[in-house]
Each structure stands twice: as C-alpha cells, then as structure tokens.
Amino acid sequence: MGILAFATIRLAKFPTIRTLPIDVQAKHLYATNLIDDVIISNAYASEAELKQLSSIDKEKLVFTVDVEQSTTELERQILFTEPHFYRGDVSEYMIRSTQSRVKFKGESFPVHHTRDIKRGDIIIENDLYKQYAGELQIALKDMVNSGKTNVVGKIREEEQFLIDYLQPWDKFGFKENRK
C-alpha cells in the first residue's frame, strides 16, 4: 500500500518507500517536515493500517524498538517513559539524550549485554562509565564496545533510515515492537 503526501503543493510519490510498512512510510513523510497530512493512495486500507496511521506522533519521531531480554526495568523506564531530545553537540557516532543520566544519578546501571555496537542500537551507559551512567544514546555508526555500554535495544530495520532525519534539539521517542 502506498501513500501520497500533500502540503501547500502536492508532492510526488516517494517510490523508494512504497514497499515499506505503511507506518514507516508515514513516519518518513512527517520526518521530512514537508507535509501536513498523509492521504492513502490505494483503496481499502485495512483496519490495522488505519490504526497504525492514527497512532503516529506527528510532533516527534517515535522509533519502534526490539528490546534486549537483559534490559532492566529502570532502562525500560528510560527508554519508553522518559522524554528524549537530540543534544545539540553533534557527534558522528551517536545521538545523545542526556536527561536520564541527570534524573537517575545515583541509581545503579549494572553491566549487561555489552556486545559491539551497531548502527541503530539503543544504548545506555552502565555503572563503569561513572558520570555518564544512565545516559541514553542512539548509535549512528558501528563501534567497539568498551564494556561500559549496555545495548538495550535496536531500532527496527525498516526504520533505521529515519535516524538521519533527526536534527539537534529534536524530540524523539521509542515504542516497543510487539511483533
């Protein structure tokens, strides 16, 4: 199912996204900041597709995440209930959301799941990183993990290209992939 985007002017179809799930297509269109509304161009959208579209947050990009089994309750809280924004000091390696390390200073972030980091991974610094413990980041590049970083989840494959649409100071969020 494809969708068309309309703004002040009618935009062309985006053929590169037509094969993606409908929610990812819509997230992409909203992330461009070029559109106001999304109109489905194919007839007979399913109830499930309409429900997916109606749940999209137009004000911030919300990534669907596959959560690692070893993720702690506190890390899940940071991931899914805390507000996130792209810190302004840009890095080519990661997007930093630092408020969780301030709010949860003094809390324990035990070491777990410290495999090497891949693009699209959601990571939270653990107790070994001392003053950075509790900070959430999105990996922009593959990196060797020093053991100070817990990999708590991964943005679903179809959405990873959306990471590139985030700009400094943009708000973003996460929801769990219910597969």
N, C-alpha and C. Protein backbone atom coordinates (compact mmCIF):
# COMPACT_ATOMS: atom_id res chain seq x y z
N MET A 1 0.85 -1.17 0.00
CA MET A 1 0.00 0.00 0.00
C MET A 1 0.89 1.23 0.00
N GLY A 2 0.64 2.16 -0.88
CA GLY A 2 1.41 3.39 -0.94
C GLY A 2 0.60 4.55 -0.40
N ILE A 3 1.30 5.63 -0.07
CA ILE A 3 0.61 6.82 0.38
C ILE A 3 1.16 8.02 -0.36
N LEU A 4 0.34 9.02 -0.48
CA LEU A 4 0.73 10.29 -1.09
C LEU A 4 0.83 11.32 0.01
N ALA A 5 1.64 12.33 -0.21
CA ALA A 5 1.76 13.41 0.76
C ALA A 5 1.27 14.70 0.12
N PHE A 6 0.57 15.50 0.89
CA PHE A 6 0.12 16.80 0.41
C PHE A 6 0.60 17.86 1.38
N ALA A 7 1.11 18.93 0.88
CA ALA A 7 1.46 20.09 1.67
C ALA A 7 0.78 21.26 0.99
N THR A 8 1.44 22.40 0.97
CA THR A 8 0.89 23.52 0.23
C THR A 8 0.80 23.16 -1.25
N ILE A 9 1.77 22.40 -1.71
CA ILE A 9 1.74 21.87 -3.06
C ILE A 9 1.67 20.35 -2.97
N ARG A 10 1.20 19.73 -4.00
CA ARG A 10 1.13 18.27 -4.00
C ARG A 10 2.52 17.72 -4.28
N LEU A 11 2.99 16.82 -3.42
CA LEU A 11 4.30 16.21 -3.60
C LEU A 11 4.16 14.95 -4.44
N ALA A 12 5.21 14.59 -5.13
CA ALA A 12 5.21 13.36 -5.92
C ALA A 12 5.25 12.16 -4.99
N LYS A 13 4.88 11.01 -5.52
CA LYS A 13 5.01 9.77 -4.74
C LYS A 13 6.48 9.54 -4.44
N PHE A 14 6.76 8.89 -3.33
CA PHE A 14 8.11 8.52 -2.95
C PHE A 14 8.30 7.05 -3.31
N PRO A 15 8.75 6.72 -4.52
CA PRO A 15 8.81 5.31 -4.92
C PRO A 15 9.75 4.48 -4.05
N THR A 16 10.75 5.11 -3.44
CA THR A 16 11.70 4.35 -2.63
C THR A 16 11.09 3.84 -1.33
N ILE A 17 9.97 4.37 -0.91
CA ILE A 17 9.37 3.92 0.35
C ILE A 17 8.10 3.12 0.16
N ARG A 18 7.66 2.94 -1.06
CA ARG A 18 6.36 2.29 -1.31
C ARG A 18 6.30 0.86 -0.80
N THR A 19 7.42 0.18 -0.69
CA THR A 19 7.42 -1.21 -0.24
C THR A 19 7.52 -1.34 1.28
N LEU A 20 7.72 -0.24 1.97
CA LEU A 20 7.84 -0.27 3.43
C LEU A 20 6.46 -0.38 4.08
N PRO A 21 6.41 -0.84 5.34
CA PRO A 21 5.13 -0.85 6.05
C PRO A 21 4.53 0.56 6.07
N ILE A 22 3.22 0.64 6.08
CA ILE A 22 2.54 1.93 5.96
C ILE A 22 2.91 2.90 7.07
N ASP A 23 3.13 2.40 8.30
CA ASP A 23 3.50 3.31 9.38
C ASP A 23 4.87 3.92 9.16
N VAL A 24 5.80 3.15 8.59
CA VAL A 24 7.14 3.67 8.30
C VAL A 24 7.07 4.70 7.18
N GLN A 25 6.23 4.44 6.17
CA GLN A 25 6.06 5.42 5.09
C GLN A 25 5.58 6.76 5.66
N ALA A 26 4.59 6.70 6.53
CA ALA A 26 4.05 7.93 7.10
C ALA A 26 5.06 8.62 8.01
N LYS A 27 5.78 7.85 8.83
CA LYS A 27 6.82 8.45 9.68
C LYS A 27 7.84 9.18 8.82
N HIS A 28 8.22 8.56 7.70
CA HIS A 28 9.18 9.18 6.80
C HIS A 28 8.65 10.51 6.28
N LEU A 29 7.43 10.52 5.82
CA LEU A 29 6.86 11.75 5.28
C LEU A 29 6.80 12.85 6.34
N TYR A 30 6.36 12.52 7.54
CA TYR A 30 6.32 13.53 8.61
C TYR A 30 7.73 13.99 8.98
N ALA A 31 8.70 13.08 8.96
CA ALA A 31 10.08 13.43 9.33
C ALA A 31 10.70 14.43 8.37
N THR A 32 10.22 14.48 7.13
CA THR A 32 10.77 15.44 6.16
C THR A 32 10.37 16.87 6.49
N ASN A 33 9.35 17.05 7.31
CA ASN A 33 8.80 18.38 7.62
C ASN A 33 8.29 19.11 6.39
N LEU A 34 7.94 18.36 5.35
CA LEU A 34 7.44 18.95 4.11
C LEU A 34 5.94 18.78 3.94
N ILE A 35 5.31 18.04 4.83
CA ILE A 35 3.89 17.72 4.64
C ILE A 35 3.08 18.06 5.88
N ASP A 36 1.80 18.20 5.66
CA ASP A 36 0.87 18.45 6.76
C ASP A 36 -0.03 17.26 7.02
N ASP A 37 -0.40 16.55 5.96
CA ASP A 37 -1.33 15.44 6.06
C ASP A 37 -0.86 14.28 5.18
N VAL A 38 -1.27 13.09 5.56
CA VAL A 38 -0.98 11.90 4.78
C VAL A 38 -2.31 11.35 4.28
N ILE A 39 -2.37 11.08 2.99
CA ILE A 39 -3.57 10.51 2.38
C ILE A 39 -3.18 9.20 1.72
N ILE A 40 -3.91 8.15 2.03
CA ILE A 40 -3.63 6.84 1.45
C ILE A 40 -4.06 6.86 -0.01
N SER A 41 -3.15 6.43 -0.90
CA SER A 41 -3.45 6.50 -2.34
C SER A 41 -4.06 5.21 -2.89
N ASN A 42 -3.94 4.13 -2.16
CA ASN A 42 -4.55 2.87 -2.59
C ASN A 42 -5.87 2.68 -1.85
N ALA A 43 -6.81 2.12 -2.52
CA ALA A 43 -8.12 1.92 -1.90
C ALA A 43 -8.07 0.82 -0.85
N TYR A 44 -9.02 0.91 0.05
CA TYR A 44 -9.28 -0.15 1.02
C TYR A 44 -8.12 -0.44 1.97
N ALA A 45 -7.73 0.57 2.71
CA ALA A 45 -6.76 0.35 3.78
C ALA A 45 -7.41 -0.56 4.83
N SER A 46 -6.62 -1.44 5.40
CA SER A 46 -7.16 -2.34 6.42
C SER A 46 -7.35 -1.58 7.73
N GLU A 47 -8.15 -2.16 8.61
CA GLU A 47 -8.34 -1.57 9.95
C GLU A 47 -7.00 -1.45 10.67
N ALA A 48 -6.16 -2.48 10.53
CA ALA A 48 -4.85 -2.47 11.19
C ALA A 48 -4.00 -1.31 10.68
N GLU A 49 -4.02 -1.09 9.37
CA GLU A 49 -3.23 0.02 8.79
C GLU A 49 -3.76 1.37 9.25
N LEU A 50 -5.06 1.52 9.30
CA LEU A 50 -5.65 2.78 9.77
C LEU A 50 -5.30 3.02 11.24
N LYS A 51 -5.31 1.95 12.03
CA LYS A 51 -4.94 2.07 13.44
C LYS A 51 -3.47 2.48 13.57
N GLN A 52 -2.59 1.87 12.77
CA GLN A 52 -1.18 2.24 12.79
C GLN A 52 -1.00 3.72 12.46
N LEU A 53 -1.66 4.18 11.41
CA LEU A 53 -1.54 5.57 11.00
C LEU A 53 -2.07 6.53 12.05
N SER A 54 -3.16 6.17 12.69
CA SER A 54 -3.75 7.07 13.69
C SER A 54 -2.90 7.18 14.94
N SER A 55 -2.02 6.23 15.18
CA SER A 55 -1.20 6.26 16.39
C SER A 55 0.15 6.97 16.20
N ILE A 56 0.42 7.45 15.00
CA ILE A 56 1.71 8.11 14.73
C ILE A 56 1.72 9.49 15.37
N ASP A 57 2.80 9.79 16.07
CA ASP A 57 3.00 11.10 16.68
C ASP A 57 3.60 12.02 15.62
N LYS A 58 2.86 13.05 15.22
CA LYS A 58 3.32 13.95 14.17
C LYS A 58 4.31 14.99 14.69
N GLU A 59 4.41 15.13 16.01
CA GLU A 59 5.27 16.15 16.61
C GLU A 59 6.69 15.67 16.87
N LYS A 60 6.86 14.36 16.96
CA LYS A 60 8.21 13.82 17.19
C LYS A 60 8.30 12.45 16.54
N LEU A 61 9.51 12.08 16.20
CA LEU A 61 9.76 10.78 15.60
C LEU A 61 9.80 9.73 16.72
N VAL A 62 8.95 8.72 16.61
CA VAL A 62 8.92 7.64 17.59
C VAL A 62 9.36 6.37 16.88
N PHE A 63 10.50 5.84 17.32
CA PHE A 63 11.09 4.65 16.72
C PHE A 63 10.52 3.39 17.36
N THR A 64 10.30 2.37 16.57
CA THR A 64 9.89 1.06 17.07
C THR A 64 11.15 0.27 17.38
N VAL A 65 11.21 -0.28 18.59
CA VAL A 65 12.44 -0.90 19.10
C VAL A 65 12.22 -2.35 19.49
N ASP A 66 13.17 -3.19 19.10
CA ASP A 66 13.25 -4.56 19.62
C ASP A 66 14.13 -4.48 20.87
N VAL A 67 13.58 -4.85 22.02
CA VAL A 67 14.27 -4.71 23.30
C VAL A 67 15.05 -5.98 23.62
N GLU A 68 16.26 -5.80 24.12
CA GLU A 68 17.08 -6.94 24.56
C GLU A 68 16.47 -7.53 25.83
N GLN A 69 16.53 -8.85 25.95
CA GLN A 69 15.94 -9.54 27.11
C GLN A 69 16.54 -9.10 28.43
N SER A 70 17.83 -8.79 28.45
CA SER A 70 18.51 -8.45 29.70
C SER A 70 18.28 -7.01 30.15
N THR A 71 17.52 -6.24 29.40
CA THR A 71 17.26 -4.84 29.75
C THR A 71 16.53 -4.76 31.09
N THR A 72 17.04 -3.90 31.99
CA THR A 72 16.46 -3.78 33.33
C THR A 72 15.19 -2.93 33.29
N GLU A 73 14.42 -2.99 34.37
CA GLU A 73 13.20 -2.18 34.47
C GLU A 73 13.52 -0.69 34.40
N LEU A 74 14.60 -0.26 35.06
CA LEU A 74 14.98 1.15 35.01
C LEU A 74 15.35 1.56 33.58
N GLU A 75 16.08 0.71 32.88
CA GLU A 75 16.43 1.01 31.49
C GLU A 75 15.18 1.07 30.61
N ARG A 76 14.23 0.18 30.86
CA ARG A 76 12.96 0.21 30.12
C ARG A 76 12.20 1.51 30.40
N GLN A 77 12.24 1.94 31.65
CA GLN A 77 11.59 3.21 32.00
C GLN A 77 12.24 4.37 31.24
N ILE A 78 13.56 4.40 31.22
CA ILE A 78 14.27 5.45 30.47
C ILE A 78 13.91 5.39 29.00
N LEU A 79 13.89 4.20 28.46
CA LEU A 79 13.62 4.00 27.04
C LEU A 79 12.21 4.45 26.65
N PHE A 80 11.21 4.04 27.41
CA PHE A 80 9.83 4.21 26.97
C PHE A 80 9.02 5.32 27.66
N THR A 81 9.44 5.79 28.82
CA THR A 81 8.62 6.80 29.50
C THR A 81 9.30 8.14 29.69
N GLU A 82 10.59 8.20 29.61
CA GLU A 82 11.30 9.47 29.78
C GLU A 82 11.31 10.25 28.47
N PRO A 83 11.28 11.59 28.56
CA PRO A 83 11.38 12.40 27.33
C PRO A 83 12.81 12.38 26.79
N HIS A 84 12.94 12.41 25.48
CA HIS A 84 14.25 12.40 24.84
C HIS A 84 14.35 13.54 23.83
N PHE A 85 15.53 14.14 23.77
CA PHE A 85 15.81 15.09 22.70
C PHE A 85 17.27 14.95 22.30
N TYR A 86 17.54 15.27 21.06
CA TYR A 86 18.87 15.16 20.46
C TYR A 86 19.71 16.31 20.98
N ARG A 87 20.65 15.99 21.85
CA ARG A 87 21.53 17.01 22.42
C ARG A 87 22.25 17.77 21.30
N GLY A 88 22.47 19.04 21.51
CA GLY A 88 22.97 19.93 20.46
C GLY A 88 24.41 19.75 20.04
N ASP A 89 25.25 19.15 20.89
CA ASP A 89 26.65 18.95 20.47
C ASP A 89 26.72 17.66 19.66
N VAL A 90 26.68 17.82 18.36
CA VAL A 90 26.53 16.72 17.42
C VAL A 90 27.79 15.86 17.37
N SER A 91 27.58 14.55 17.30
CA SER A 91 28.66 13.57 17.14
C SER A 91 28.35 12.72 15.92
N GLU A 92 29.38 12.33 15.21
CA GLU A 92 29.14 11.46 14.05
C GLU A 92 28.88 10.02 14.49
N TYR A 93 29.08 9.71 15.77
CA TYR A 93 28.94 8.34 16.26
C TYR A 93 27.62 8.05 16.96
N MET A 94 27.00 9.08 17.55
CA MET A 94 25.80 8.81 18.33
C MET A 94 24.94 10.06 18.50
N ILE A 95 23.67 9.80 18.76
CA ILE A 95 22.73 10.84 19.17
C ILE A 95 22.59 10.68 20.67
N ARG A 96 22.85 11.76 21.41
CA ARG A 96 22.83 11.69 22.86
C ARG A 96 21.56 12.31 23.42
N SER A 97 20.94 11.60 24.35
CA SER A 97 19.81 12.10 25.13
C SER A 97 20.24 12.02 26.59
N THR A 98 20.58 13.15 27.18
CA THR A 98 21.32 13.14 28.44
C THR A 98 20.50 13.32 29.71
N GLN A 99 19.23 13.67 29.60
CA GLN A 99 18.46 13.97 30.81
C GLN A 99 18.31 12.78 31.75
N SER A 100 18.31 11.58 31.22
CA SER A 100 18.15 10.41 32.08
C SER A 100 19.33 10.24 33.03
N ARG A 101 20.53 10.61 32.60
CA ARG A 101 21.68 10.48 33.50
C ARG A 101 21.61 11.48 34.64
N VAL A 102 20.96 12.63 34.40
CA VAL A 102 20.78 13.63 35.45
C VAL A 102 19.68 13.17 36.41
N LYS A 103 18.56 12.76 35.87
CA LYS A 103 17.42 12.36 36.69
C LYS A 103 17.73 11.13 37.54
N PHE A 104 18.47 10.18 36.97
CA PHE A 104 18.72 8.92 37.66
C PHE A 104 20.14 8.82 38.21
N LYS A 105 20.78 9.97 38.43
CA LYS A 105 22.12 9.98 39.03
C LYS A 105 22.04 9.27 40.38
N GLY A 106 22.98 8.39 40.61
CA GLY A 106 23.00 7.65 41.87
C GLY A 106 22.30 6.30 41.79
N GLU A 107 21.51 6.08 40.74
CA GLU A 107 20.88 4.78 40.52
C GLU A 107 21.92 3.82 39.93
N SER A 108 21.68 2.55 40.10
CA SER A 108 22.61 1.55 39.57
C SER A 108 22.21 1.11 38.17
N PHE A 109 23.21 1.06 37.30
CA PHE A 109 23.05 0.55 35.94
C PHE A 109 24.04 -0.59 35.76
N PRO A 110 23.65 -1.81 36.21
CA PRO A 110 24.57 -2.95 36.16
C PRO A 110 25.00 -3.27 34.72
N VAL A 111 26.19 -3.81 34.62
CA VAL A 111 26.74 -4.20 33.32
C VAL A 111 25.98 -5.42 32.79
N HIS A 112 25.55 -5.35 31.53
CA HIS A 112 24.94 -6.49 30.84
C HIS A 112 24.94 -6.20 29.35
N HIS A 113 24.84 -7.20 28.56
CA HIS A 113 24.73 -7.11 27.10
C HIS A 113 25.66 -6.04 26.51
N THR A 114 26.95 -6.31 26.61
CA THR A 114 27.95 -5.34 26.16
C THR A 114 28.62 -5.77 24.85
N ARG A 115 27.83 -6.36 23.96
CA ARG A 115 28.37 -6.72 22.64
C ARG A 115 28.77 -5.46 21.89
N ASP A 116 29.51 -5.62 20.80
CA ASP A 116 29.86 -4.46 19.99
C ASP A 116 28.60 -3.77 19.49
N ILE A 117 28.71 -2.49 19.27
CA ILE A 117 27.57 -1.63 18.95
C ILE A 117 27.41 -1.50 17.44
N LYS A 118 26.17 -1.58 16.98
CA LYS A 118 25.84 -1.47 15.55
C LYS A 118 24.93 -0.26 15.34
N ARG A 119 24.95 0.29 14.14
CA ARG A 119 24.06 1.40 13.81
C ARG A 119 22.61 1.00 14.13
N GLY A 120 21.89 1.90 14.76
CA GLY A 120 20.50 1.63 15.12
C GLY A 120 20.33 1.06 16.51
N ASP A 121 21.42 0.70 17.18
CA ASP A 121 21.32 0.20 18.55
C ASP A 121 20.95 1.34 19.49
N ILE A 122 20.15 1.01 20.50
CA ILE A 122 19.85 1.94 21.58
C ILE A 122 20.72 1.49 22.74
N ILE A 123 21.51 2.41 23.25
CA ILE A 123 22.48 2.06 24.29
C ILE A 123 22.30 2.97 25.51
N ILE A 124 22.59 2.41 26.67
CA ILE A 124 22.58 3.17 27.92
C ILE A 124 23.89 2.88 28.63
N GLU A 125 24.57 3.95 29.01
CA GLU A 125 25.86 3.79 29.69
C GLU A 125 25.65 3.15 31.05
N ASN A 126 26.54 2.20 31.40
CA ASN A 126 26.38 1.47 32.66
C ASN A 126 27.27 2.06 33.76
N ASP A 127 27.28 1.41 34.93
CA ASP A 127 28.00 1.92 36.10
C ASP A 127 29.49 2.13 35.85
N LEU A 128 30.08 1.41 34.92
CA LEU A 128 31.51 1.58 34.64
C LEU A 128 31.82 2.93 34.01
N TYR A 129 30.81 3.60 33.47
CA TYR A 129 31.02 4.89 32.81
C TYR A 129 30.80 6.07 33.77
N LYS A 130 30.70 5.76 35.05
CA LYS A 130 30.59 6.71 36.15
C LYS A 130 29.62 7.87 35.87
N GLN A 131 30.13 9.09 35.56
CA GLN A 131 29.25 10.26 35.45
C GLN A 131 28.28 10.18 34.28
N TYR A 132 28.52 9.29 33.32
CA TYR A 132 27.62 9.14 32.18
C TYR A 132 26.61 8.02 32.36
N ALA A 133 26.69 7.29 33.48
CA ALA A 133 25.78 6.17 33.72
C ALA A 133 24.33 6.64 33.62
N GLY A 134 23.53 5.90 32.86
CA GLY A 134 22.13 6.23 32.68
C GLY A 134 21.83 7.05 31.44
N GLU A 135 22.86 7.51 30.74
CA GLU A 135 22.63 8.31 29.53
C GLU A 135 22.23 7.40 28.37
N LEU A 136 21.17 7.78 27.68
CA LEU A 136 20.69 7.02 26.52
C LEU A 136 21.26 7.61 25.24
N GLN A 137 21.61 6.72 24.31
CA GLN A 137 22.15 7.15 23.02
C GLN A 137 21.63 6.25 21.92
N ILE A 138 21.59 6.80 20.71
CA ILE A 138 21.29 6.02 19.50
C ILE A 138 22.58 5.96 18.71
N ALA A 139 23.04 4.75 18.37
CA ALA A 139 24.28 4.58 17.62
C ALA A 139 24.07 4.96 16.15
N LEU A 140 24.93 5.83 15.65
CA LEU A 140 24.90 6.23 14.24
C LEU A 140 25.87 5.41 13.40
N LYS A 141 26.86 4.82 14.06
CA LYS A 141 27.87 4.01 13.38
C LYS A 141 28.17 2.77 14.21
N ASP A 142 28.74 1.78 13.57
CA ASP A 142 29.22 0.61 14.29
C ASP A 142 30.42 1.02 15.13
N MET A 143 30.51 0.49 16.36
CA MET A 143 31.60 0.82 17.27
C MET A 143 31.96 -0.39 18.12
N VAL A 144 33.20 -0.44 18.55
CA VAL A 144 33.63 -1.44 19.52
C VAL A 144 33.09 -1.00 20.88
N ASN A 145 32.55 -1.94 21.64
CA ASN A 145 32.03 -1.64 22.97
C ASN A 145 33.14 -1.86 23.99
N SER A 146 33.45 -0.83 24.76
CA SER A 146 34.50 -0.91 25.78
C SER A 146 34.05 -1.70 27.01
N GLY A 147 32.78 -2.09 27.05
CA GLY A 147 32.23 -2.77 28.22
C GLY A 147 31.49 -1.82 29.14
N LYS A 148 31.54 -0.53 28.84
CA LYS A 148 30.88 0.49 29.66
C LYS A 148 29.47 0.84 29.15
N THR A 149 29.04 0.14 28.11
CA THR A 149 27.79 0.48 27.45
C THR A 149 26.89 -0.75 27.33
N ASN A 150 25.67 -0.64 27.84
CA ASN A 150 24.68 -1.71 27.70
C ASN A 150 23.87 -1.48 26.42
N VAL A 151 23.80 -2.49 25.59
CA VAL A 151 22.93 -2.44 24.41
C VAL A 151 21.56 -2.91 24.88
N VAL A 152 20.58 -1.98 24.90
CA VAL A 152 19.27 -2.30 25.46
C VAL A 152 18.21 -2.56 24.40
N GLY A 153 18.51 -2.21 23.16
CA GLY A 153 17.54 -2.44 22.09
C GLY A 153 18.09 -2.04 20.75
N LYS A 154 17.26 -2.24 19.73
CA LYS A 154 17.64 -1.89 18.36
C LYS A 154 16.41 -1.36 17.64
N ILE A 155 16.60 -0.25 16.93
CA ILE A 155 15.52 0.29 16.10
C ILE A 155 15.27 -0.70 14.99
N ARG A 156 13.98 -0.99 14.73
CA ARG A 156 13.68 -2.00 13.71
C ARG A 156 14.29 -1.59 12.38
N GLU A 157 14.71 -2.59 11.65
CA GLU A 157 15.48 -2.41 10.42
C GLU A 157 14.82 -1.43 9.45
N GLU A 158 13.51 -1.55 9.24
CA GLU A 158 12.82 -0.70 8.26
C GLU A 158 12.84 0.78 8.64
N GLU A 159 13.09 1.09 9.91
CA GLU A 159 13.05 2.48 10.37
C GLU A 159 14.42 3.10 10.53
N GLN A 160 15.48 2.33 10.35
CA GLN A 160 16.81 2.87 10.65
C GLN A 160 17.19 4.07 9.79
N PHE A 161 16.68 4.14 8.56
CA PHE A 161 17.00 5.29 7.72
C PHE A 161 16.41 6.59 8.29
N LEU A 162 15.39 6.48 9.14
CA LEU A 162 14.75 7.66 9.74
C LEU A 162 15.66 8.37 10.74
N ILE A 163 16.64 7.65 11.27
CA ILE A 163 17.59 8.26 12.22
C ILE A 163 18.22 9.50 11.59
N ASP A 164 18.49 9.44 10.29
CA ASP A 164 19.17 10.55 9.61
C ASP A 164 18.32 11.81 9.52
N TYR A 165 17.03 11.71 9.81
CA TYR A 165 16.16 12.89 9.79
C TYR A 165 16.18 13.67 11.10
N LEU A 166 16.71 13.07 12.16
CA LEU A 166 16.77 13.79 13.44
C LEU A 166 17.81 14.91 13.35
N GLN A 167 17.44 16.06 13.89
CA GLN A 167 18.32 17.22 13.94
C GLN A 167 18.56 17.59 15.40
N PRO A 168 19.68 18.29 15.69
CA PRO A 168 19.92 18.71 17.07
C PRO A 168 18.70 19.42 17.66
N TRP A 169 18.40 19.08 18.89
CA TRP A 169 17.31 19.60 19.70
C TRP A 169 15.95 19.01 19.34
N ASP A 170 15.88 18.12 18.33
CA ASP A 170 14.61 17.45 18.02
C ASP A 170 14.23 16.51 19.16
N LYS A 171 12.93 16.43 19.43
CA LYS A 171 12.42 15.44 20.37
C LYS A 171 12.24 14.12 19.62
N PHE A 172 12.39 13.03 20.36
CA PHE A 172 12.14 11.70 19.79
C PHE A 172 11.71 10.77 20.90
N GLY A 173 11.23 9.61 20.51
CA GLY A 173 10.78 8.63 21.49
C GLY A 173 10.89 7.23 20.94
N PHE A 174 10.44 6.28 21.76
CA PHE A 174 10.51 4.87 21.39
C PHE A 174 9.22 4.17 21.79
N LYS A 175 8.88 3.14 21.04
CA LYS A 175 7.81 2.23 21.44
C LYS A 175 8.32 0.82 21.18
N GLU A 176 7.83 -0.11 21.99
CA GLU A 176 8.30 -1.48 21.87
C GLU A 176 7.65 -2.18 20.69
N ASN A 177 8.46 -2.92 19.95
CA ASN A 177 7.96 -3.71 18.83
C ASN A 177 7.22 -4.91 19.41
N ARG A 178 5.94 -4.99 19.15
CA ARG A 178 5.11 -6.09 19.68
C ARG A 178 5.04 -7.26 18.72
N LYS A 179 5.76 -7.18 17.62
CA LYS A 179 5.85 -8.23 16.59
C LYS A 179 4.53 -8.90 16.40
